[in-house]
Amino acid sequence: MITFDSLKNSIDAIVIGTSAGGVEALSVLIPAFPVNLRASIFIVIHLPRERPSLLVEIFSSKCALSVCEAQDKEPVQPGTVYFAPPNYHLLLDKGPQLALSVDDPVNFSRPSIDVLFESAADVYGKRLLGVILTGGNEDGAYGLESIHHAGGITMVQQPESAQVPFMPASALKRKAADFVLPLPQIADLFRTLNGGEKK
């Protein structure tokens, strides 16, 4: 049986995908990241394309780590939270470094959770933790399956505890979740992370 304690020290990156209800869910999870976390965190939340994102302003004061909007070709830094900018897909590339794309929407979404998760699985493999939270479409289900097949750890918010359960329920249909938990328990696990050696 997989236990989180046996895996948590091997995590180099965390990808999180969410949509409707996501700001509220992230407000529970982001403060749980410990100050000594070495993993890099990449987050896609579906936002209106025509509006500037306020996510960095919202979450910087709630997080012990550096919080920023992803920039194209930027080298990935440990212990940093990256948000996908509105109307751009966020991908991980060799290096690792960030990449932004204006390719067609996936699951009616740009940024797409699937696009981020698939690219992160290619770069990080078994050193990746993927998390699907509340949301109203199927984006992220295929990407989480990609992380599972690459040997990474997969986690889904318990649908009954989600503000909008459709996205986590869609992910669970693919039977690729190692852990299905309500938000407070996901936050508790995040608090135990160090992603490697402490600073």
Protein backbone atom coordinates (compact mmCIF):
# COMPACT_ATOMS: atom_id res chain seq x y z
CA MET A 1 0.00 0.00 0.00
CA ILE A 2 1.28 3.45 -0.94
CA THR A 3 1.75 5.79 2.00
CA PHE A 4 2.38 9.49 1.69
CA ASP A 5 5.12 9.40 4.31
CA SER A 6 7.12 6.98 2.18
CA LEU A 7 6.91 9.27 -0.86
CA LYS A 8 6.90 12.85 0.37
CA ASN A 9 10.66 13.37 0.46
CA SER A 10 11.06 12.41 -3.19
CA ILE A 11 8.75 15.15 -4.54
CA ASP A 12 10.52 17.80 -6.64
CA ALA A 13 7.42 19.42 -8.13
CA ILE A 14 3.70 19.81 -7.42
CA VAL A 15 1.07 20.59 -10.05
CA ILE A 16 -2.40 21.71 -9.01
CA GLY A 17 -5.44 22.14 -11.23
CA THR A 18 -8.76 23.72 -10.32
CA SER A 19 -11.63 25.75 -11.71
CA ALA A 20 -14.90 26.86 -10.11
CA GLY A 21 -14.35 27.23 -6.36
CA GLY A 22 -10.60 27.11 -6.84
CA VAL A 23 -9.68 30.39 -5.16
CA GLU A 24 -11.44 29.26 -1.99
CA ALA A 25 -9.81 25.81 -2.14
CA LEU A 26 -6.34 27.26 -2.72
CA SER A 27 -6.89 29.61 0.22
CA VAL A 28 -6.92 26.49 2.39
CA LEU A 29 -3.98 24.75 0.73
CA ILE A 30 -1.44 27.45 -0.15
CA PRO A 31 -0.90 28.59 3.46
CA ALA A 32 -0.02 24.96 4.28
CA PHE A 33 3.19 24.95 2.22
CA PRO A 34 6.10 24.97 4.69
CA VAL A 35 8.75 27.66 4.45
CA ASN A 36 11.49 25.05 3.89
CA LEU A 37 9.70 23.40 0.94
CA ARG A 38 12.16 22.60 -1.84
CA ALA A 39 9.60 21.52 -4.42
CA SER A 40 8.37 23.92 -7.10
CA ILE A 41 4.60 24.39 -7.39
CA PHE A 42 2.72 25.06 -10.63
CA ILE A 43 -0.96 25.99 -10.57
CA VAL A 44 -3.61 26.28 -13.27
CA ILE A 45 -6.90 27.85 -12.30
CA HIS A 46 -9.46 28.62 -14.98
CA LEU A 47 -9.95 32.38 -15.18
CA PRO A 48 -11.72 34.75 -17.58
CA ARG A 49 -9.31 35.28 -20.48
CA GLU A 50 -10.01 38.97 -20.89
CA ARG A 51 -9.18 39.99 -17.32
CA PRO A 52 -5.80 40.36 -15.62
CA SER A 53 -5.09 37.78 -12.95
CA LEU A 54 -5.03 38.91 -9.33
CA LEU A 55 -3.83 35.53 -8.04
CA VAL A 56 -0.33 36.69 -7.12
CA GLU A 57 -1.75 39.60 -5.13
CA ILE A 58 -4.32 37.35 -3.46
CA PHE A 59 -1.93 34.60 -2.41
CA SER A 60 1.44 36.28 -1.78
CA SER A 61 0.43 37.30 1.72
CA LYS A 62 -0.96 33.82 2.47
CA CYS A 63 2.11 31.83 1.45
CA ALA A 64 5.50 31.34 3.08
CA LEU A 65 7.04 30.81 -0.38
CA SER A 66 7.66 33.15 -3.29
CA VAL A 67 4.53 33.52 -5.45
CA CYS A 68 4.64 34.74 -9.06
CA GLU A 69 2.98 34.58 -12.45
CA ALA A 70 4.80 32.24 -14.83
CA GLN A 71 6.99 33.81 -17.53
CA ASP A 72 8.00 32.16 -20.79
CA LYS A 73 11.49 30.55 -20.81
CA GLU A 74 11.98 31.28 -17.10
CA PRO A 75 14.16 28.73 -15.26
CA VAL A 76 12.23 26.90 -12.54
CA GLN A 77 13.24 27.82 -9.00
CA PRO A 78 12.73 25.56 -5.97
CA GLY A 79 10.33 26.67 -3.26
CA THR A 80 8.37 28.89 -5.65
CA VAL A 81 4.67 28.98 -6.55
CA TYR A 82 3.95 29.68 -10.23
CA PHE A 83 0.48 30.60 -11.49
CA ALA A 84 -0.41 30.19 -15.16
CA PRO A 85 -1.27 33.59 -16.68
CA PRO A 86 -4.74 34.09 -18.19
CA ASN A 87 -5.17 32.87 -21.78
CA TYR A 88 -1.83 31.01 -21.92
CA HIS A 89 -1.12 27.32 -21.52
CA LEU A 90 1.63 26.71 -18.95
CA LEU A 91 4.06 23.88 -19.71
CA LEU A 92 7.24 22.50 -18.20
CA ASP A 93 10.23 22.00 -20.46
CA LYS A 94 13.69 20.51 -20.08
CA GLY A 95 15.96 22.40 -17.72
CA PRO A 96 13.48 22.52 -16.13
CA GLN A 97 12.09 25.77 -17.40
CA LEU A 98 8.66 27.28 -17.95
CA ALA A 99 7.02 27.61 -21.35
CA LEU A 100 3.88 29.53 -22.33
CA SER A 101 1.75 28.65 -25.34
CA VAL A 102 -1.22 30.13 -27.18
CA ASP A 103 -2.17 26.82 -28.77
CA ASP A 104 -5.89 26.07 -29.03
CA PRO A 105 -7.86 25.63 -25.80
CA VAL A 106 -8.04 22.09 -24.38
CA ASN A 107 -11.34 21.13 -22.73
CA PHE A 108 -12.46 24.67 -23.62
CA SER A 109 -9.68 25.99 -21.37
CA ARG A 110 -6.51 28.00 -21.84
CA PRO A 111 -4.64 27.56 -19.58
CA SER A 112 -5.42 23.86 -19.53
CA ILE A 113 -4.73 21.62 -16.56
CA ASP A 114 -4.17 18.65 -18.88
CA VAL A 115 -1.44 20.53 -20.79
CA LEU A 116 0.42 21.43 -17.59
CA PHE A 117 0.08 17.97 -16.06
CA GLU A 118 1.19 16.08 -19.18
CA SER A 119 4.28 18.26 -19.69
CA ALA A 120 5.18 18.08 -15.99
CA ALA A 121 4.87 14.28 -16.06
CA ASP A 122 7.34 14.19 -18.95
CA VAL A 123 9.87 16.35 -17.06
CA TYR A 124 9.49 15.12 -13.46
CA GLY A 125 8.11 11.57 -13.76
CA LYS A 126 7.95 9.83 -10.40
CA ARG A 127 9.18 12.98 -8.58
CA LEU A 128 5.87 14.75 -9.33
CA LEU A 129 2.75 15.21 -7.20
CA GLY A 130 -0.44 16.05 -9.12
CA VAL A 131 -3.55 17.42 -7.41
CA ILE A 132 -7.06 17.95 -8.83
CA LEU A 133 -9.43 20.21 -6.92
CA THR A 134 -12.95 21.58 -7.30
CA GLY A 135 -14.15 22.49 -10.79
CA GLY A 136 -16.88 22.19 -13.38
CA ASN A 137 -15.38 20.38 -16.38
CA GLU A 138 -13.20 17.37 -17.21
CA ASP A 139 -9.92 19.28 -17.59
CA GLY A 140 -7.17 17.55 -15.63
CA ALA A 141 -8.55 14.00 -15.69
CA TYR A 142 -6.34 12.90 -18.57
CA GLY A 143 -3.36 14.82 -17.22
CA LEU A 144 -3.65 13.19 -13.82
CA GLU A 145 -3.69 9.80 -15.55
CA SER A 146 -0.49 10.82 -17.35
CA ILE A 147 1.17 11.57 -14.01
CA HIS A 148 0.02 8.21 -12.68
CA HIS A 149 1.47 6.37 -15.68
CA ALA A 150 4.75 8.28 -15.28
CA GLY A 151 5.04 6.98 -11.70
CA GLY A 152 4.11 10.22 -9.96
CA ILE A 153 1.81 10.64 -6.96
CA THR A 154 -1.79 11.58 -7.70
CA MET A 155 -4.27 13.22 -5.36
CA VAL A 156 -7.90 14.25 -5.87
CA GLN A 157 -10.13 16.34 -3.66
CA GLN A 158 -12.97 14.23 -2.30
CA PRO A 159 -15.88 15.20 -4.61
CA GLU A 160 -18.34 15.40 -1.72
CA SER A 161 -16.18 18.09 -0.13
CA ALA A 162 -15.67 20.12 -3.35
CA GLN A 163 -17.60 23.30 -4.03
CA VAL A 164 -18.14 21.96 -7.58
CA PRO A 165 -17.58 18.17 -7.66
CA PHE A 166 -17.55 17.52 -11.41
CA MET A 167 -13.81 17.96 -11.99
CA PRO A 168 -12.61 15.67 -9.17
CA ALA A 169 -15.33 13.14 -10.04
CA SER A 170 -14.15 13.11 -13.67
CA ALA A 171 -10.58 12.50 -12.54
CA LEU A 172 -11.68 9.60 -10.33
CA LYS A 173 -13.41 7.88 -13.25
CA ARG A 174 -9.95 7.18 -14.70
CA LYS A 175 -8.96 5.32 -11.52
CA ALA A 176 -5.59 7.05 -11.38
CA ALA A 177 -5.82 8.62 -7.90
CA ASP A 178 -3.50 7.42 -5.14
CA PHE A 179 -5.27 9.58 -2.55
CA VAL A 180 -8.83 10.97 -2.35
CA LEU A 181 -9.07 13.46 0.49
CA PRO A 182 -11.02 16.51 1.71
CA LEU A 183 -9.16 19.82 1.64
CA PRO A 184 -8.12 19.88 5.32
CA GLN A 185 -6.38 16.51 4.95
CA ILE A 186 -4.63 17.62 1.75
CA ALA A 187 -3.43 20.68 3.65
CA ASP A 188 -2.18 18.47 6.49
CA LEU A 189 -0.12 16.43 4.01
CA PHE A 190 1.29 19.58 2.43
CA ARG A 191 2.51 20.69 5.86
CA THR A 192 4.65 17.54 6.10
CA LEU A 193 6.47 18.18 2.82
CA ASN A 194 10.03 19.27 2.47
CA GLY A 195 10.67 18.02 -1.06
CA GLY A 196 14.24 17.07 -0.24
CA GLU A 197 16.91 18.49 2.02
CA LYS A 198 15.92 21.33 4.29
CA LYS A 199 17.51 24.67 3.70
